[in-house]
Amino acid sequence: MAKVLVNEFYESGWKKPKRKYAVHGGLIPPFTLEIRGDRYVMPGWYKLSKDEDMPNIKDIAYYPFKAKRPHLPNIDSNKVYKVMSSKGNSSYDVKMNASGSMECTCPGYGFRRTCRHIDLVIK
């Protein structure tokens, strides 16, 4: 879930603090929203106070969610690994896709996005 972080600071001679916003996480870029007179910085549902100015979208820092890549030791990204089925009458192809994760041609991978054939190649 996205979180809105607020940095508040005063400059000399100011009575009102200046605020900077940053959105961490999430997949949607920041935007502002007004519902029934209440104003929000989205995503994250950060409610702005009534006396606070609406921030400019370009001034809101955005740090999108980045998935961690799995650690796959000694796996060649250009190689296709043939793994025997559990019955031993056929084989399936296991390879690394462009995003760096493993994929298999077995029916189980199509449903669960993981299978024992990928586990065997990784081990």
PDB file of N, CA and C in Angstrom:
ATOM      1  N   MET A   1       0.838  -1.175   0.000  1.00  0.00           N
ATOM      2  CA  MET A   1       0.000   0.000   0.000  1.00  0.00           C
ATOM      3  C   MET A   1       0.881   1.236   0.000  1.00  0.00           C
ATOM      4  N   ALA A   2       0.466   2.231  -0.700  1.00  0.00           N
ATOM      5  CA  ALA A   2       1.223   3.472  -0.807  1.00  0.00           C
ATOM      6  C   ALA A   2       1.100   4.282   0.480  1.00  0.00           C
ATOM      7  N   LYS A   3       2.175   4.985   0.816  1.00  0.00           N
ATOM      8  CA  LYS A   3       2.188   5.855   1.987  1.00  0.00           C
ATOM      9  C   LYS A   3       2.603   7.240   1.549  1.00  0.00           C
ATOM     10  N   VAL A   4       1.974   8.241   2.139  1.00  0.00           N
ATOM     11  CA  VAL A   4       2.332   9.626   1.863  1.00  0.00           C
ATOM     12  C   VAL A   4       3.162  10.136   3.032  1.00  0.00           C
ATOM     13  N   LEU A   5       4.376  10.571   2.743  1.00  0.00           N
ATOM     14  CA  LEU A   5       5.257  11.132   3.766  1.00  0.00           C
ATOM     15  C   LEU A   5       5.282  12.643   3.610  1.00  0.00           C
ATOM     16  N   VAL A   6       5.289  13.342   4.743  1.00  0.00           N
ATOM     17  CA  VAL A   6       5.245  14.792   4.736  1.00  0.00           C
ATOM     18  C   VAL A   6       6.500  15.325   5.414  1.00  0.00           C
ATOM     19  N   ASN A   7       7.159  16.262   4.745  1.00  0.00           N
ATOM     20  CA  ASN A   7       8.316  16.955   5.303  1.00  0.00           C
ATOM     21  C   ASN A   7       7.891  18.398   5.536  1.00  0.00           C
ATOM     22  N   GLU A   8       7.961  18.844   6.795  1.00  0.00           N
ATOM     23  CA  GLU A   8       7.500  20.181   7.137  1.00  0.00           C
ATOM     24  C   GLU A   8       8.683  20.998   7.644  1.00  0.00           C
ATOM     25  N   PHE A   9       8.842  22.209   7.123  1.00  0.00           N
ATOM     26  CA  PHE A   9       9.951  23.055   7.561  1.00  0.00           C
ATOM     27  C   PHE A   9       9.549  24.521   7.488  1.00  0.00           C
ATOM     28  N   TYR A  10      10.249  25.339   8.275  1.00  0.00           N
ATOM     29  CA  TYR A  10      10.019  26.781   8.305  1.00  0.00           C
ATOM     30  C   TYR A  10      11.214  27.489   7.679  1.00  0.00           C
ATOM     31  N   GLU A  11      10.961  28.552   6.965  1.00  0.00           N
ATOM     32  CA  GLU A  11      12.021  29.430   6.499  1.00  0.00           C
ATOM     33  C   GLU A  11      11.946  30.712   7.313  1.00  0.00           C
ATOM     34  N   SER A  12      13.028  31.447   7.387  1.00  0.00           N
ATOM     35  CA  SER A  12      13.073  32.628   8.245  1.00  0.00           C
ATOM     36  C   SER A  12      11.987  33.629   7.862  1.00  0.00           C
ATOM     37  N   GLY A  13      11.272  34.115   8.866  1.00  0.00           N
ATOM     38  CA  GLY A  13      10.218  35.086   8.640  1.00  0.00           C
ATOM     39  C   GLY A  13       8.864  34.490   8.293  1.00  0.00           C
ATOM     40  N   TRP A  14       8.776  33.195   8.140  1.00  0.00           N
ATOM     41  CA  TRP A  14       7.502  32.569   7.794  1.00  0.00           C
ATOM     42  C   TRP A  14       6.744  32.211   9.064  1.00  0.00           C
ATOM     43  N   LYS A  15       5.445  32.449   9.058  1.00  0.00           N
ATOM     44  CA  LYS A  15       4.596  32.042  10.166  1.00  0.00           C
ATOM     45  C   LYS A  15       3.987  30.673   9.928  1.00  0.00           C
ATOM     46  N   LYS A  16       3.871  30.325   8.683  1.00  0.00           N
ATOM     47  CA  LYS A  16       3.255  29.063   8.285  1.00  0.00           C
ATOM     48  C   LYS A  16       4.332  28.135   7.722  1.00  0.00           C
ATOM     49  N   PRO A  17       4.348  26.852   8.113  1.00  0.00           N
ATOM     50  CA  PRO A  17       5.373  25.949   7.593  1.00  0.00           C
ATOM     51  C   PRO A  17       5.148  25.606   6.128  1.00  0.00           C
ATOM     52  N   LYS A  18       6.229  25.294   5.452  1.00  0.00           N
ATOM     53  CA  LYS A  18       6.156  24.820   4.069  1.00  0.00           C
ATOM     54  C   LYS A  18       6.200  23.298   4.125  1.00  0.00           C
ATOM     55  N   ARG A  19       5.400  22.656   3.309  1.00  0.00           N
ATOM     56  CA  ARG A  19       5.337  21.193   3.313  1.00  0.00           C
ATOM     57  C   ARG A  19       5.728  20.647   1.952  1.00  0.00           C
ATOM     58  N   LYS A  20       6.448  19.529   2.000  1.00  0.00           N
ATOM     59  CA  LYS A  20       6.775  18.767   0.797  1.00  0.00           C
ATOM     60  C   LYS A  20       6.239  17.359   1.002  1.00  0.00           C
ATOM     61  N   TYR A  21       5.742  16.770  -0.063  1.00  0.00           N
ATOM     62  CA  TYR A  21       5.111  15.459   0.014  1.00  0.00           C
ATOM     63  C   TYR A  21       5.882  14.455  -0.830  1.00  0.00           C
ATOM     64  N   ALA A  22       5.840  13.201  -0.376  1.00  0.00           N
ATOM     65  CA  ALA A  22       6.441  12.099  -1.135  1.00  0.00           C
ATOM     66  C   ALA A  22       5.527  10.890  -1.010  1.00  0.00           C
ATOM     67  N   VAL A  23       5.286  10.221  -2.107  1.00  0.00           N
ATOM     68  CA  VAL A  23       4.486   8.999  -2.125  1.00  0.00           C
ATOM     69  C   VAL A  23       5.447   7.826  -2.293  1.00  0.00           C
ATOM     70  N   HIS A  24       5.451   6.914  -1.301  1.00  0.00           N
ATOM     71  CA  HIS A  24       6.317   5.731  -1.335  1.00  0.00           C
ATOM     72  C   HIS A  24       5.457   4.498  -1.541  1.00  0.00           C
ATOM     73  N   GLY A  25       5.853   3.664  -2.492  1.00  0.00           N
ATOM     74  CA  GLY A  25       5.134   2.427  -2.773  1.00  0.00           C
ATOM     75  C   GLY A  25       3.967   2.661  -3.713  1.00  0.00           C
ATOM     76  N   GLY A  26       3.265   1.600  -3.982  1.00  0.00           N
ATOM     77  CA  GLY A  26       2.123   1.695  -4.886  1.00  0.00           C
ATOM     78  C   GLY A  26       2.554   1.684  -6.341  1.00  0.00           C
ATOM     79  N   LEU A  27       1.588   1.542  -7.200  1.00  0.00           N
ATOM     80  CA  LEU A  27       1.849   1.490  -8.633  1.00  0.00           C
ATOM     81  C   LEU A  27       1.270   2.681  -9.379  1.00  0.00           C
ATOM     82  N   ILE A  28       0.474   3.497  -8.679  1.00  0.00           N
ATOM     83  CA  ILE A  28      -0.191   4.637  -9.307  1.00  0.00           C
ATOM     84  C   ILE A  28       0.578   5.908  -8.980  1.00  0.00           C
ATOM     85  N   PRO A  29       0.883   6.750  -9.955  1.00  0.00           N
ATOM     86  CA  PRO A  29       1.566   8.020  -9.673  1.00  0.00           C
ATOM     87  C   PRO A  29       0.675   8.927  -8.816  1.00  0.00           C
ATOM     88  N   PRO A  30       1.277   9.883  -8.103  1.00  0.00           N
ATOM     89  CA  PRO A  30       0.489  10.724  -7.206  1.00  0.00           C
ATOM     90  C   PRO A  30      -0.469  11.657  -7.948  1.00  0.00           C
ATOM     91  N   PHE A  31      -1.568  11.963  -7.274  1.00  0.00           N
ATOM     92  CA  PHE A  31      -2.542  12.930  -7.772  1.00  0.00           C
ATOM     93  C   PHE A  31      -3.301  13.485  -6.576  1.00  0.00           C
ATOM     94  N   THR A  32      -4.047  14.556  -6.784  1.00  0.00           N
ATOM     95  CA  THR A  32      -4.857  15.133  -5.717  1.00  0.00           C
ATOM     96  C   THR A  32      -6.318  14.881  -6.015  1.00  0.00           C
ATOM     97  N   LEU A  33      -7.117  14.825  -4.948  1.00  0.00           N
ATOM     98  CA  LEU A  33      -8.519  14.467  -5.082  1.00  0.00           C
ATOM     99  C   LEU A  33      -9.334  15.314  -4.106  1.00  0.00           C
ATOM    100  N   GLU A  34     -10.496  15.754  -4.530  1.00  0.00           N
ATOM    101  CA  GLU A  34     -11.396  16.493  -3.641  1.00  0.00           C
ATOM    102  C   GLU A  34     -12.742  15.785  -3.616  1.00  0.00           C
ATOM    103  N   ILE A  35     -13.172  15.407  -2.393  1.00  0.00           N
ATOM    104  CA  ILE A  35     -14.452  14.729  -2.202  1.00  0.00           C
ATOM    105  C   ILE A  35     -15.208  15.447  -1.095  1.00  0.00           C
ATOM    106  N   ARG A  36     -16.363  15.985  -1.406  1.00  0.00           N
ATOM    107  CA  ARG A  36     -17.242  16.655  -0.446  1.00  0.00           C
ATOM    108  C   ARG A  36     -16.506  17.711   0.378  1.00  0.00           C
ATOM    109  N   GLY A  37     -15.669  18.471  -0.271  1.00  0.00           N
ATOM    110  CA  GLY A  37     -14.956  19.552   0.404  1.00  0.00           C
ATOM    111  C   GLY A  37     -13.653  19.136   1.078  1.00  0.00           C
ATOM    112  N   ASP A  38     -13.404  17.836   1.210  1.00  0.00           N
ATOM    113  CA  ASP A  38     -12.140  17.344   1.775  1.00  0.00           C
ATOM    114  C   ASP A  38     -11.162  17.093   0.642  1.00  0.00           C
ATOM    115  N   ARG A  39      -9.906  17.487   0.856  1.00  0.00           N
ATOM    116  CA  ARG A  39      -8.882  17.327  -0.179  1.00  0.00           C
ATOM    117  C   ARG A  39      -7.855  16.296   0.279  1.00  0.00           C
ATOM    118  N   TYR A  40      -7.398  15.475  -0.662  1.00  0.00           N
ATOM    119  CA  TYR A  40      -6.488  14.375  -0.354  1.00  0.00           C
ATOM    120  C   TYR A  40      -5.334  14.343  -1.345  1.00  0.00           C
ATOM    121  N   VAL A  41      -4.186  13.826  -0.855  1.00  0.00           N
ATOM    122  CA  VAL A  41      -3.075  13.463  -1.732  1.00  0.00           C
ATOM    123  C   VAL A  41      -3.172  11.959  -1.898  1.00  0.00           C
ATOM    124  N   MET A  42      -3.259  11.510  -3.138  1.00  0.00           N
ATOM    125  CA  MET A  42      -3.478  10.100  -3.442  1.00  0.00           C
ATOM    126  C   MET A  42      -2.282   9.525  -4.185  1.00  0.00           C
ATOM    127  N   PRO A  43      -2.047   8.239  -4.216  1.00  0.00           N
ATOM    128  CA  PRO A  43      -2.661   7.230  -3.384  1.00  0.00           C
ATOM    129  C   PRO A  43      -2.116   7.323  -1.969  1.00  0.00           C
ATOM    130  N   GLY A  44      -2.824   6.827  -1.014  1.00  0.00           N
ATOM    131  CA  GLY A  44      -2.415   6.890   0.372  1.00  0.00           C
ATOM    132  C   GLY A  44      -3.416   7.618   1.244  1.00  0.00           C
ATOM    133  N   TRP A  45      -4.367   8.331   0.643  1.00  0.00           N
ATOM    134  CA  TRP A  45      -5.439   9.023   1.353  1.00  0.00           C
ATOM    135  C   TRP A  45      -4.910   9.948   2.440  1.00  0.00           C
ATOM    136  N   TYR A  46      -3.917  10.787   2.108  1.00  0.00           N
ATOM    137  CA  TYR A  46      -3.437  11.783   3.063  1.00  0.00           C
ATOM    138  C   TYR A  46      -4.356  12.994   2.979  1.00  0.00           C
ATOM    139  N   LYS A  47      -5.057  13.297   4.099  1.00  0.00           N
ATOM    140  CA  LYS A  47      -6.036  14.386   4.107  1.00  0.00           C
ATOM    141  C   LYS A  47      -5.327  15.708   4.376  1.00  0.00           C
ATOM    142  N   LEU A  48      -5.565  16.673   3.500  1.00  0.00           N
ATOM    143  CA  LEU A  48      -5.007  18.003   3.667  1.00  0.00           C
ATOM    144  C   LEU A  48      -5.911  18.816   4.587  1.00  0.00           C
ATOM    145  N   SER A  49      -5.308  19.679   5.416  1.00  0.00           N
ATOM    146  CA  SER A  49      -6.119  20.521   6.292  1.00  0.00           C
ATOM    147  C   SER A  49      -6.784  21.624   5.466  1.00  0.00           C
ATOM    148  N   LYS A  50      -7.790  22.263   6.047  1.00  0.00           N
ATOM    149  CA  LYS A  50      -8.571  23.285   5.331  1.00  0.00           C
ATOM    150  C   LYS A  50      -7.724  24.495   4.943  1.00  0.00           C
ATOM    151  N   ASP A  51      -6.767  24.877   5.808  1.00  0.00           N
ATOM    152  CA  ASP A  51      -5.960  26.069   5.533  1.00  0.00           C
ATOM    153  C   ASP A  51      -4.732  25.778   4.673  1.00  0.00           C
ATOM    154  N   GLU A  52      -4.529  24.544   4.343  1.00  0.00           N
ATOM    155  CA  GLU A  52      -3.350  24.133   3.562  1.00  0.00           C
ATOM    156  C   GLU A  52      -3.612  24.290   2.060  1.00  0.00           C
ATOM    157  N   ASP A  53      -2.617  24.778   1.348  1.00  0.00           N
ATOM    158  CA  ASP A  53      -2.734  24.939  -0.096  1.00  0.00           C
ATOM    159  C   ASP A  53      -2.656  23.577  -0.785  1.00  0.00           C
ATOM    160  N   MET A  54      -3.349  23.452  -1.903  1.00  0.00           N
ATOM    161  CA  MET A  54      -3.295  22.225  -2.694  1.00  0.00           C
ATOM    162  C   MET A  54      -1.921  22.144  -3.348  1.00  0.00           C
ATOM    163  N   PRO A  55      -1.173  21.044  -3.121  1.00  0.00           N
ATOM    164  CA  PRO A  55       0.166  20.953  -3.704  1.00  0.00           C
ATOM    165  C   PRO A  55       0.117  20.756  -5.215  1.00  0.00           C
ATOM    166  N   ASN A  56       1.167  21.206  -5.876  1.00  0.00           N
ATOM    167  CA  ASN A  56       1.309  20.987  -7.309  1.00  0.00           C
ATOM    168  C   ASN A  56       1.753  19.539  -7.520  1.00  0.00           C
ATOM    169  N   ILE A  57       1.171  18.872  -8.465  1.00  0.00           N
ATOM    170  CA  ILE A  57       1.491  17.459  -8.714  1.00  0.00           C
ATOM    171  C   ILE A  57       2.972  17.270  -9.024  1.00  0.00           C
ATOM    172  N   LYS A  58       3.565  18.202  -9.742  1.00  0.00           N
ATOM    173  CA  LYS A  58       4.975  18.076 -10.113  1.00  0.00           C
ATOM    174  C   LYS A  58       5.897  18.170  -8.901  1.00  0.00           C
ATOM    175  N   ASP A  59       5.411  18.751  -7.794  1.00  0.00           N
ATOM    176  CA  ASP A  59       6.230  18.903  -6.589  1.00  0.00           C
ATOM    177  C   ASP A  59       6.146  17.704  -5.657  1.00  0.00           C
ATOM    178  N   ILE A  60       5.270  16.761  -5.939  1.00  0.00           N
ATOM    179  CA  ILE A  60       5.147  15.571  -5.093  1.00  0.00           C
ATOM    180  C   ILE A  60       6.126  14.519  -5.602  1.00  0.00           C
ATOM    181  N   ALA A  61       7.059  14.123  -4.732  1.00  0.00           N
ATOM    182  CA  ALA A  61       8.046  13.093  -5.107  1.00  0.00           C
ATOM    183  C   ALA A  61       7.338  11.735  -5.155  1.00  0.00           C
ATOM    184  N   TYR A  62       7.743  10.904  -6.096  1.00  0.00           N
ATOM    185  CA  TYR A  62       7.109   9.599  -6.283  1.00  0.00           C
ATOM    186  C   TYR A  62       8.176   8.521  -6.331  1.00  0.00           C
ATOM    187  N   TYR A  63       8.070   7.556  -5.416  1.00  0.00           N
ATOM    188  CA  TYR A  63       8.985   6.422  -5.348  1.00  0.00           C
ATOM    189  C   TYR A  63       8.154   5.151  -5.507  1.00  0.00           C
ATOM    190  N   PRO A  64       8.011   4.645  -6.741  1.00  0.00           N
ATOM    191  CA  PRO A  64       7.121   3.499  -6.976  1.00  0.00           C
ATOM    192  C   PRO A  64       7.650   2.216  -6.348  1.00  0.00           C
ATOM    193  N   PHE A  65       6.732   1.280  -6.177  1.00  0.00           N
ATOM    194  CA  PHE A  65       7.077  -0.035  -5.650  1.00  0.00           C
ATOM    195  C   PHE A  65       7.948  -0.774  -6.655  1.00  0.00           C
ATOM    196  N   LYS A  66       9.010  -1.383  -6.169  1.00  0.00           N
ATOM    197  CA  LYS A  66       9.871  -2.204  -7.022  1.00  0.00           C
ATOM    198  C   LYS A  66       9.980  -3.586  -6.389  1.00  0.00           C
ATOM    199  N   ALA A  67       9.580  -4.583  -7.133  1.00  0.00           N
ATOM    200  CA  ALA A  67       9.642  -5.945  -6.632  1.00  0.00           C
ATOM    201  C   ALA A  67      11.090  -6.407  -6.557  1.00  0.00           C
ATOM    202  N   LYS A  68      11.369  -7.178  -5.521  1.00  0.00           N
ATOM    203  CA  LYS A  68      12.718  -7.718  -5.384  1.00  0.00           C
ATOM    204  C   LYS A  68      12.897  -8.879  -6.346  1.00  0.00           C
ATOM    205  N   ARG A  69      14.046  -8.908  -6.981  1.00  0.00           N
ATOM    206  CA  ARG A  69      14.327 -10.013  -7.891  1.00  0.00           C
ATOM    207  C   ARG A  69      14.763 -11.225  -7.081  1.00  0.00           C
ATOM    208  N   PRO A  70      14.265 -12.384  -7.428  1.00  0.00           N
ATOM    209  CA  PRO A  70      14.665 -13.580  -6.688  1.00  0.00           C
ATOM    210  C   PRO A  70      16.122 -13.921  -6.965  1.00  0.00           C
ATOM    211  N   HIS A  71      16.768 -14.463  -5.935  1.00  0.00           N
ATOM    212  CA  HIS A  71      18.164 -14.861  -6.091  1.00  0.00           C
ATOM    213  C   HIS A  71      18.194 -16.248  -6.738  1.00  0.00           C
ATOM    214  N   LEU A  72      18.705 -16.316  -7.957  1.00  0.00           N
ATOM    215  CA  LEU A  72      18.775 -17.576  -8.689  1.00  0.00           C
ATOM    216  C   LEU A  72      20.231 -17.891  -8.993  1.00  0.00           C
ATOM    217  N   PRO A  73      20.867 -18.693  -8.154  1.00  0.00           N
ATOM    218  CA  PRO A  73      22.290 -18.966  -8.349  1.00  0.00           C
ATOM    219  C   PRO A  73      22.554 -19.868  -9.552  1.00  0.00           C
ATOM    220  N   ASN A  74      23.580 -19.544 -10.309  1.00  0.00           N
ATOM    221  CA  ASN A  74      24.079 -20.374 -11.412  1.00  0.00           C
ATOM    222  C   ASN A  74      23.014 -20.727 -12.452  1.00  0.00           C
ATOM    223  N   ILE A  75      22.122 -19.823 -12.744  1.00  0.00           N
ATOM    224  CA  ILE A  75      21.111 -20.048 -13.774  1.00  0.00           C
ATOM    225  C   ILE A  75      21.497 -19.224 -14.996  1.00  0.00           C
ATOM    226  N   ASP A  76      21.671 -19.898 -16.113  1.00  0.00           N
ATOM    227  CA  ASP A  76      21.999 -19.209 -17.355  1.00  0.00           C
ATOM    228  C   ASP A  76      20.710 -18.708 -17.988  1.00  0.00           C
ATOM    229  N   SER A  77      20.649 -17.407 -18.268  1.00  0.00           N
ATOM    230  CA  SER A  77      19.405 -16.826 -18.780  1.00  0.00           C
ATOM    231  C   SER A  77      19.099 -17.231 -20.220  1.00  0.00           C
ATOM    232  N   ASN A  78      20.070 -17.713 -20.970  1.00  0.00           N
ATOM    233  CA  ASN A  78      19.843 -18.092 -22.360  1.00  0.00           C
ATOM    234  C   ASN A  78      19.602 -19.588 -22.537  1.00  0.00           C
ATOM    235  N   LYS A  79      19.682 -20.342 -21.474  1.00  0.00           N
ATOM    236  CA  LYS A  79      19.595 -21.793 -21.569  1.00  0.00           C
ATOM    237  C   LYS A  79      18.187 -22.281 -21.231  1.00  0.00           C
ATOM    238  N   VAL A  80      17.735 -23.321 -21.947  1.00  0.00           N
ATOM    239  CA  VAL A  80      16.464 -23.972 -21.662  1.00  0.00           C
ATOM    240  C   VAL A  80      16.783 -25.317 -21.012  1.00  0.00           C
ATOM    241  N   TYR A  81      16.211 -25.560 -19.835  1.00  0.00           N
ATOM    242  CA  TYR A  81      16.457 -26.790 -19.080  1.00  0.00           C
ATOM    243  C   TYR A  81      15.302 -27.748 -19.310  1.00  0.00           C
ATOM    244  N   LYS A  82      15.611 -28.995 -19.660  1.00  0.00           N
ATOM    245  CA  LYS A  82      14.604 -30.041 -19.851  1.00  0.00           C
ATOM    246  C   LYS A  82      14.497 -30.818 -18.545  1.00  0.00           C
ATOM    247  N   VAL A  83      13.282 -30.905 -17.992  1.00  0.00           N
ATOM    248  CA  VAL A  83      13.038 -31.608 -16.738  1.00  0.00           C
ATOM    249  C   VAL A  83      11.966 -32.658 -16.985  1.00  0.00           C
ATOM    250  N   MET A  84      12.214 -33.867 -16.508  1.00  0.00           N
ATOM    251  CA  MET A  84      11.270 -34.975 -16.692  1.00  0.00           C
ATOM    252  C   MET A  84      10.023 -34.768 -15.846  1.00  0.00           C
ATOM    253  N   SER A  85       8.895 -35.235 -16.356  1.00  0.00           N
ATOM    254  CA  SER A  85       7.640 -35.171 -15.602  1.00  0.00           C
ATOM    255  C   SER A  85       7.683 -36.193 -14.470  1.00  0.00           C
ATOM    256  N   SER A  86       6.716 -36.117 -13.563  1.00  0.00           N
ATOM    257  CA  SER A  86       6.711 -37.037 -12.423  1.00  0.00           C
ATOM    258  C   SER A  86       6.477 -38.477 -12.858  1.00  0.00           C
ATOM    259  N   LYS A  87       5.743 -38.691 -13.950  1.00  0.00           N
ATOM    260  CA  LYS A  87       5.517 -40.045 -14.453  1.00  0.00           C
ATOM    261  C   LYS A  87       6.675 -40.538 -15.309  1.00  0.00           C
ATOM    262  N   GLY A  88       7.489 -39.635 -15.794  1.00  0.00           N
ATOM    263  CA  GLY A  88       8.654 -40.015 -16.581  1.00  0.00           C
ATOM    264  C   GLY A  88       8.374 -40.232 -18.053  1.00  0.00           C
ATOM    265  N   ASN A  89       7.170 -39.946 -18.522  1.00  0.00           N
ATOM    266  CA  ASN A  89       6.845 -40.182 -19.925  1.00  0.00           C
ATOM    267  C   ASN A  89       6.974 -38.942 -20.798  1.00  0.00           C
ATOM    268  N   SER A  90       7.217 -37.777 -20.215  1.00  0.00           N
ATOM    269  CA  SER A  90       7.402 -36.553 -20.992  1.00  0.00           C
ATOM    270  C   SER A  90       8.343 -35.615 -20.236  1.00  0.00           C
ATOM    271  N   SER A  91       8.721 -34.536 -20.903  1.00  0.00           N
ATOM    272  CA  SER A  91       9.601 -33.567 -20.248  1.00  0.00           C
ATOM    273  C   SER A  91       9.043 -32.157 -20.477  1.00  0.00           C
ATOM    274  N   TYR A  92       9.423 -31.246 -19.606  1.00  0.00           N
ATOM    275  CA  TYR A  92       8.978 -29.853 -19.674  1.00  0.00           C
ATOM    276  C   TYR A  92      10.183 -28.937 -19.788  1.00  0.00           C
ATOM    277  N   ASP A  93       9.983 -27.803 -20.433  1.00  0.00           N
ATOM    278  CA  ASP A  93      11.053 -26.819 -20.603  1.00  0.00           C
ATOM    279  C   ASP A  93      10.961 -25.761 -19.510  1.00  0.00           C
ATOM    280  N   VAL A  94      12.072 -25.537 -18.832  1.00  0.00           N
ATOM    281  CA  VAL A  94      12.164 -24.498 -17.814  1.00  0.00           C
ATOM    282  C   VAL A  94      13.204 -23.494 -18.295  1.00  0.00           C
ATOM    283  N   LYS A  95      12.835 -22.200 -18.290  1.00  0.00           N
ATOM    284  CA  LYS A  95      13.775 -21.175 -18.724  1.00  0.00           C
ATOM    285  C   LYS A  95      13.522 -19.889 -17.951  1.00  0.00           C
ATOM    286  N   MET A  96      14.477 -18.973 -18.033  1.00  0.00           N
ATOM    287  CA  MET A  96      14.335 -17.683 -17.387  1.00  0.00           C
ATOM    288  C   MET A  96      13.723 -16.711 -18.386  1.00  0.00           C
ATOM    289  N   ASN A  97      12.686 -15.954 -17.953  1.00  0.00           N
ATOM    290  CA  ASN A  97      12.063 -14.999 -18.862  1.00  0.00           C
ATOM    291  C   ASN A  97      12.779 -13.645 -18.779  1.00  0.00           C
ATOM    292  N   ALA A  98      12.295 -12.663 -19.510  1.00  0.00           N
ATOM    293  CA  ALA A  98      12.963 -11.363 -19.601  1.00  0.00           C
ATOM    294  C   ALA A  98      12.997 -10.617 -18.277  1.00  0.00           C
ATOM    295  N   SER A  99      12.032 -10.868 -17.379  1.00  0.00           N
ATOM    296  CA  SER A  99      12.003 -10.166 -16.097  1.00  0.00           C
ATOM    297  C   SER A  99      12.928 -10.792 -15.067  1.00  0.00           C
ATOM    298  N   GLY A 100      13.514 -11.942 -15.377  1.00  0.00           N
ATOM    299  CA  GLY A 100      14.455 -12.580 -14.455  1.00  0.00           C
ATOM    300  C   GLY A 100      13.834 -13.659 -13.595  1.00  0.00           C
ATOM    301  N   SER A 101      12.573 -14.008 -13.810  1.00  0.00           N
ATOM    302  CA  SER A 101      11.954 -15.085 -13.065  1.00  0.00           C
ATOM    303  C   SER A 101      11.859 -16.328 -13.947  1.00  0.00           C
ATOM    304  N   MET A 102      11.701 -17.462 -13.318  1.00  0.00           N
ATOM    305  CA  MET A 102      11.668 -18.728 -14.036  1.00  0.00           C
ATOM    306  C   MET A 102      10.244 -19.044 -14.488  1.00  0.00           C
ATOM    307  N   GLU A 103      10.129 -19.708 -15.646  1.00  0.00           N
ATOM    308  CA  GLU A 103       8.825 -20.161 -16.138  1.00  0.00           C
ATOM    309  C   GLU A 103       8.973 -21.563 -16.700  1.00  0.00           C
ATOM    310  N   CYS A 104       7.856 -22.305 -16.672  1.00  0.00           N
ATOM    311  CA  CYS A 104       7.853 -23.707 -17.086  1.00  0.00           C
ATOM    312  C   CYS A 104       6.690 -23.938 -18.040  1.00  0.00           C
ATOM    313  N   THR A 105       6.808 -24.974 -18.865  1.00  0.00           N
ATOM    314  CA  THR A 105       5.755 -25.293 -19.828  1.00  0.00           C
ATOM    315  C   THR A 105       4.736 -26.285 -19.279  1.00  0.00           C
ATOM    316  N   CYS A 106       4.838 -26.693 -18.024  1.00  0.00           N
ATOM    317  CA  CYS A 106       3.899 -27.669 -17.456  1.00  0.00           C
ATOM    318  C   CYS A 106       2.554 -27.013 -17.136  1.00  0.00           C
ATOM    319  N   PRO A 107       1.485 -27.799 -17.057  1.00  0.00           N
ATOM    320  CA  PRO A 107       0.160 -27.246 -16.740  1.00  0.00           C
ATOM    321  C   PRO A 107       0.077 -26.637 -15.341  1.00  0.00           C
ATOM    322  N   GLY A 108       0.805 -27.193 -14.390  1.00  0.00           N
ATOM    323  CA  GLY A 108       0.785 -26.675 -13.022  1.00  0.00           C
ATOM    324  C   GLY A 108       1.292 -25.247 -12.941  1.00  0.00           C
ATOM    325  N   TYR A 109       2.310 -24.926 -13.730  1.00  0.00           N
ATOM    326  CA  TYR A 109       2.830 -23.559 -13.740  1.00  0.00           C
ATOM    327  C   TYR A 109       1.782 -22.587 -14.280  1.00  0.00           C
ATOM    328  N   GLY A 110       0.989 -23.031 -15.223  1.00  0.00           N
ATOM    329  CA  GLY A 110      -0.063 -22.181 -15.778  1.00  0.00           C
ATOM    330  C   GLY A 110      -1.106 -21.782 -14.737  1.00  0.00           C
ATOM    331  N   PHE A 111      -1.333 -22.638 -13.730  1.00  0.00           N
ATOM    332  CA  PHE A 111      -2.311 -22.334 -12.688  1.00  0.00           C
ATOM    333  C   PHE A 111      -1.689 -21.614 -11.493  1.00  0.00           C
ATOM    334  N   ARG A 112      -0.511 -22.077 -11.041  1.00  0.00           N
ATOM    335  CA  ARG A 112       0.055 -21.594  -9.779  1.00  0.00           C
ATOM    336  C   ARG A 112       1.236 -20.652  -9.928  1.00  0.00           C
ATOM    337  N   ARG A 113       1.793 -20.535 -11.112  1.00  0.00           N
ATOM    338  CA  ARG A 113       3.003 -19.734 -11.374  1.00  0.00           C
ATOM    339  C   ARG A 113       4.218 -20.228 -10.585  1.00  0.00           C
ATOM    340  N   THR A 114       4.157 -21.490 -10.192  1.00  0.00           N
ATOM    341  CA  THR A 114       5.304 -22.168  -9.600  1.00  0.00           C
ATOM    342  C   THR A 114       5.094 -23.668  -9.782  1.00  0.00           C
ATOM    343  N   CYS A 115       6.183 -24.427  -9.791  1.00  0.00           N
ATOM    344  CA  CYS A 115       6.059 -25.878  -9.929  1.00  0.00           C
ATOM    345  C   CYS A 115       7.341 -26.535  -9.428  1.00  0.00           C
ATOM    346  N   ARG A 116       7.289 -27.858  -9.321  1.00  0.00           N
ATOM    347  CA  ARG A 116       8.449 -28.591  -8.815  1.00  0.00           C
ATOM    348  C   ARG A 116       9.578 -28.628  -9.831  1.00  0.00           C
ATOM    349  N   HIS A 117       9.276 -28.441 -11.102  1.00  0.00           N
ATOM    350  CA  HIS A 117      10.314 -28.448 -12.133  1.00  0.00           C
ATOM    351  C   HIS A 117      11.236 -27.233 -11.968  1.00  0.00           C
ATOM    352  N   ILE A 118      10.661 -26.085 -11.635  1.00  0.00           N
ATOM    353  CA  ILE A 118      11.472 -24.882 -11.392  1.00  0.00           C
ATOM    354  C   ILE A 118      12.316 -25.087 -10.141  1.00  0.00           C
ATOM    355  N   ASP A 119      11.735 -25.714  -9.108  1.00  0.00           N
ATOM    356  CA  ASP A 119      12.492 -25.989  -7.884  1.00  0.00           C
ATOM    357  C   ASP A 119      13.689 -26.895  -8.161  1.00  0.00           C
ATOM    358  N   LEU A 120      13.496 -27.887  -9.036  1.00  0.00           N
ATOM    359  CA  LEU A 120      14.608 -28.783  -9.377  1.00  0.00           C
ATOM    360  C   LEU A 120      15.740 -28.060 -10.113  1.00  0.00           C
ATOM    361  N   VAL A 121      15.389 -27.159 -11.001  1.00  0.00           N
ATOM    362  CA  VAL A 121      16.410 -26.415 -11.748  1.00  0.00           C
ATOM    363  C   VAL A 121      17.179 -25.476 -10.811  1.00  0.00           C
ATOM    364  N   ILE A 122      16.471 -24.844  -9.899  1.00  0.00           N
ATOM    365  CA  ILE A 122      17.122 -23.927  -8.971  1.00  0.00           C
ATOM    366  C   ILE A 122      18.060 -24.671  -8.044  1.00  0.00           C
ATOM    367  N   LYS A 123      17.651 -25.857  -7.580  1.00  0.00           N
ATOM    368  CA  LYS A 123      18.518 -26.641  -6.688  1.00  0.00           C
ATOM    369  C   LYS A 123      19.690 -27.199  -7.447  1.00  0.00           C
TER     370      LYS A 123
END
